[in-house]
Amino acid sequence: MRKLLTIVVADDHAIVREGLKLLLSTMDHVSVVAEAADGETLTTIVRASSPDLVILDLGMPGVAGVQFINELRAVAPRMKILALTANIEPRTVRAVIAAGASGYLTKTGDPAELNAALDAMLRNEIYLSQSVRFAIDDPRSHQPPPTTDTALSPIPLTRREMQILSLAAQGLTARETADRLGISPLTARKHRENLMRKLSLHNAAEIAAYAVRIGLPIG
């Protein structure tokens, strides 16, 4: 039996959220578990409920475009992100996919594309709206970047150590890391110190270089 796909709908316009929920309600094996109208609320929901997928309005308050996608991936590395926007700039499309989004839908696209996008993402493929496919030659060749669960370290690391490594490589402070992971700043600092000792790393540049070498996304 196909697994139920849990989805969070994130858009600052209530009428858009209602429209998306109506479309999703017609699809089998899909459940909308929450909705959000701003980036802060969405981050809290993702941290608490670990949904399978977020439909993300890139123009929503508190969403700093590509950087916010990096932040969501750090909070929930296995979660898929379907960007929803009116922006059809090729540079934006490429940046969003490169940041780790699994799909890019335009608000002017055919509603049927939502179902097609979900099907593609379940096959671990990238989906682009018809109107922006010119931005990337072959979307199927752009696989989602490695997550903290799939990156390979020559020195075995726990999932938490991978998360700490990824966030530290992005330049986040101990307090920012703590906020992202829901732990105390002291615990975050201790995790980082232990990780650096384990990997024989001495500064931020070496942390970033190690993360890149093993294929972790660093923003």
Protein backbone atom coordinates (compact mmCIF):
# COMPACT_ATOMS: atom_id res chain seq x y z
CA MET A 1 0.00 0.00 0.00
CA ARG A 2 1.26 3.45 -0.92
CA LYS A 3 2.38 5.55 2.06
CA LEU A 4 0.26 8.57 3.00
CA LEU A 5 2.06 11.76 1.95
CA THR A 6 1.84 14.42 4.67
CA ILE A 7 1.90 18.01 3.38
CA VAL A 8 2.13 21.50 4.84
CA VAL A 9 0.68 24.30 2.70
CA ALA A 10 2.56 27.59 3.17
CA ASP A 11 1.25 30.77 1.55
CA ASP A 12 0.38 34.15 3.05
CA HIS A 13 -2.88 34.38 1.08
CA ALA A 14 -5.72 32.40 2.68
CA ILE A 15 -7.54 32.03 -0.63
CA VAL A 16 -4.47 30.40 -2.19
CA ARG A 17 -4.10 28.01 0.76
CA GLU A 18 -7.78 27.04 0.49
CA GLY A 19 -7.43 26.48 -3.24
CA LEU A 20 -4.39 24.26 -2.77
CA LYS A 21 -6.10 22.27 -0.02
CA LEU A 22 -9.11 21.77 -2.28
CA LEU A 23 -6.90 20.46 -5.10
CA LEU A 24 -4.99 18.20 -2.72
CA SER A 25 -8.22 16.82 -1.25
CA THR A 26 -9.01 15.26 -4.63
CA MET A 27 -5.79 13.24 -4.61
CA ASP A 28 -5.36 9.80 -3.09
CA HIS A 29 -2.79 9.12 -0.38
CA VAL A 30 -2.33 12.82 0.40
CA SER A 31 -3.02 14.52 3.73
CA VAL A 32 -2.65 18.24 4.50
CA VAL A 33 -1.51 18.23 8.13
CA ALA A 34 -0.97 21.97 8.63
CA GLU A 35 -0.79 25.37 6.95
CA ALA A 36 1.31 28.48 7.51
CA ALA A 37 1.17 32.12 6.44
CA ASP A 38 4.75 33.12 7.28
CA GLY A 39 8.24 31.67 7.48
CA GLU A 40 8.51 31.58 11.27
CA THR A 41 5.27 29.65 11.68
CA LEU A 42 6.29 27.24 8.94
CA THR A 43 9.66 26.53 10.56
CA THR A 44 7.94 25.80 13.87
CA ILE A 45 5.47 23.43 12.19
CA VAL A 46 8.20 21.61 10.26
CA ARG A 47 10.29 21.15 13.38
CA ALA A 48 7.30 19.81 15.33
CA SER A 49 5.60 17.59 12.76
CA SER A 50 8.28 16.54 10.23
CA PRO A 51 5.99 16.50 7.18
CA ASP A 52 6.95 14.71 3.98
CA LEU A 53 6.53 17.82 1.84
CA VAL A 54 6.05 21.58 2.05
CA ILE A 55 4.38 23.60 -0.70
CA LEU A 56 6.25 26.86 -0.21
CA ASP A 57 5.28 30.32 -1.45
CA LEU A 58 8.63 32.02 -2.05
CA GLY A 59 7.04 35.45 -1.60
CA MET A 60 5.63 34.75 1.86
CA PRO A 61 6.65 37.03 4.79
CA GLY A 62 9.71 35.70 6.59
CA VAL A 63 10.90 33.73 3.57
CA ALA A 64 14.24 34.97 2.25
CA GLY A 65 14.08 32.98 -0.97
CA VAL A 66 16.87 30.48 -1.50
CA GLN A 67 18.33 31.00 1.97
CA PHE A 68 15.04 29.93 3.56
CA ILE A 69 15.13 26.70 1.54
CA ASN A 70 18.59 26.02 2.97
CA GLU A 71 17.21 26.67 6.44
CA LEU A 72 14.28 24.29 5.97
CA ARG A 73 16.58 21.57 4.66
CA ALA A 74 18.76 21.96 7.73
CA VAL A 75 15.73 21.53 10.00
CA ALA A 76 14.27 18.59 8.03
CA PRO A 77 16.83 17.13 5.59
CA ARG A 78 14.53 14.39 4.27
CA MET A 79 11.55 16.68 3.65
CA LYS A 80 10.79 17.66 0.06
CA ILE A 81 10.09 21.26 -0.88
CA LEU A 82 7.82 22.31 -3.75
CA ALA A 83 8.34 26.01 -4.50
CA LEU A 84 5.26 27.96 -5.55
CA THR A 85 5.79 31.41 -7.05
CA ALA A 86 4.89 33.89 -9.75
CA ASN A 87 8.61 34.35 -10.52
CA ILE A 88 9.70 32.80 -13.82
CA GLU A 89 13.23 34.25 -13.92
CA PRO A 90 15.63 31.48 -15.06
CA ARG A 91 18.22 32.53 -12.49
CA THR A 92 15.67 32.12 -9.68
CA VAL A 93 14.54 28.73 -10.96
CA ARG A 94 18.11 27.44 -11.07
CA ALA A 95 18.94 28.85 -7.63
CA VAL A 96 15.86 27.32 -6.02
CA ILE A 97 16.57 23.87 -7.45
CA ALA A 98 20.27 24.14 -6.57
CA ALA A 99 19.31 25.00 -2.98
CA GLY A 100 17.49 21.69 -2.67
CA ALA A 101 13.87 22.23 -3.71
CA SER A 102 12.35 19.20 -5.41
CA GLY A 103 10.01 21.16 -7.62
CA TYR A 104 9.11 24.59 -8.96
CA LEU A 105 5.50 25.51 -9.72
CA THR A 106 4.31 28.83 -11.09
CA LYS A 107 1.06 30.36 -9.86
CA THR A 108 -0.03 30.88 -13.46
CA GLY A 109 0.42 27.19 -14.31
CA ASP A 110 -2.21 24.54 -14.94
CA PRO A 111 -3.66 23.13 -11.66
CA ALA A 112 -3.02 19.62 -13.03
CA GLU A 113 0.70 20.30 -12.65
CA LEU A 114 0.37 19.99 -8.87
CA ASN A 115 -0.50 16.30 -9.19
CA ALA A 116 2.30 15.79 -11.72
CA ALA A 117 4.76 17.49 -9.39
CA LEU A 118 3.83 15.25 -6.45
CA ASP A 119 4.14 12.13 -8.60
CA ALA A 120 7.59 13.23 -9.81
CA MET A 121 8.82 13.95 -6.31
CA LEU A 122 7.65 10.56 -5.07
CA ARG A 123 9.97 9.12 -7.74
CA ASN A 124 12.73 11.37 -6.35
CA GLU A 125 12.69 13.46 -9.54
CA ILE A 126 12.75 17.22 -10.00
CA TYR A 127 9.57 18.78 -11.36
CA LEU A 128 9.42 22.13 -13.16
CA SER A 129 6.34 23.94 -14.42
CA GLN A 130 5.97 23.90 -18.18
CA SER A 131 6.56 27.66 -18.32
CA VAL A 132 10.02 27.49 -16.69
CA ARG A 133 11.50 24.30 -18.13
CA PHE A 134 13.61 26.36 -20.49
CA ALA A 135 15.65 27.44 -17.44
CA ILE A 136 17.13 23.96 -16.98
CA ASP A 137 18.01 21.78 -19.96
CA ASP A 138 16.99 18.49 -18.37
CA PRO A 139 15.31 18.66 -14.94
CA ARG A 140 15.71 14.90 -14.53
CA SER A 141 19.48 15.30 -14.49
CA HIS A 142 19.28 17.65 -11.50
CA GLN A 143 18.88 15.28 -8.59
CA PRO A 144 18.24 16.76 -5.13
CA PRO A 145 21.51 17.55 -3.33
CA PRO A 146 22.76 15.15 -0.67
CA THR A 147 21.13 15.37 2.75
CA THR A 148 22.72 14.84 6.12
CA ASP A 149 21.37 11.29 5.89
CA THR A 150 22.98 10.44 2.56
CA ALA A 151 26.30 12.31 2.64
CA LEU A 152 29.19 9.93 3.31
CA SER A 153 31.90 10.75 5.80
CA PRO A 154 35.10 8.67 5.94
CA ILE A 155 34.77 8.95 9.72
CA PRO A 156 31.35 7.63 10.80
CA LEU A 157 29.11 10.41 12.11
CA THR A 158 25.73 10.30 13.81
CA ARG A 159 22.75 12.09 12.29
CA ARG A 160 23.10 14.85 14.91
CA GLU A 161 26.80 15.24 14.11
CA MET A 162 25.92 15.55 10.41
CA GLN A 163 23.38 18.26 11.24
CA ILE A 164 25.91 20.16 13.37
CA LEU A 165 28.51 19.86 10.61
CA SER A 166 26.12 21.14 7.95
CA LEU A 167 24.99 24.13 10.01
CA ALA A 168 28.51 25.00 11.14
CA ALA A 169 29.70 24.85 7.53
CA GLN A 170 26.97 27.37 6.64
CA GLY A 171 28.46 29.76 9.19
CA LEU A 172 25.72 29.55 11.81
CA THR A 173 26.65 30.48 15.38
CA ALA A 174 26.04 28.17 18.34
CA ARG A 175 22.90 30.15 19.24
CA GLU A 176 21.57 30.00 15.67
CA THR A 177 22.33 26.27 15.52
CA ALA A 178 20.56 25.78 18.84
CA ASP A 179 17.46 27.62 17.59
CA ARG A 180 17.43 25.55 14.39
CA LEU A 181 17.73 22.21 16.17
CA GLY A 182 15.68 23.00 19.27
CA ILE A 183 18.56 22.52 21.72
CA SER A 184 20.40 24.86 24.10
CA PRO A 185 23.32 27.04 22.89
CA LEU A 186 25.59 25.27 25.39
CA THR A 187 24.65 21.88 23.95
CA ALA A 188 25.15 23.16 20.39
CA ARG A 189 28.59 24.54 21.32
CA LYS A 190 29.55 21.24 22.97
CA HIS A 191 28.40 19.24 19.94
CA ARG A 192 30.51 21.44 17.67
CA GLU A 193 33.60 21.16 19.88
CA ASN A 194 33.27 17.37 20.04
CA LEU A 195 32.75 17.17 16.28
CA MET A 196 35.83 19.27 15.53
CA ARG A 197 37.90 17.14 17.88
CA LYS A 198 36.58 13.93 16.28
CA LEU A 199 37.40 15.15 12.76
CA SER A 200 40.62 16.96 13.71
CA LEU A 201 39.25 20.27 12.40
CA HIS A 202 40.47 23.56 13.81
CA ASN A 203 38.44 26.42 12.31
CA ALA A 204 35.39 27.39 10.28
CA ALA A 205 37.22 27.15 6.95
CA GLU A 206 38.24 23.54 7.65
CA ILE A 207 34.66 22.70 8.69
CA ALA A 208 33.29 24.09 5.41
CA ALA A 209 35.96 22.32 3.37
CA TYR A 210 35.18 18.98 5.04
CA ALA A 211 31.44 19.42 4.44
CA VAL A 212 32.02 20.15 0.76
CA ARG A 213 34.36 17.17 0.43
CA ILE A 214 31.73 14.70 1.70
CA GLY A 215 28.91 16.30 -0.32
CA LEU A 216 26.93 18.13 2.36
CA PRO A 217 24.88 21.17 1.25
CA ILE A 218 26.34 24.33 2.79
CA GLY A 219 24.15 26.99 1.16
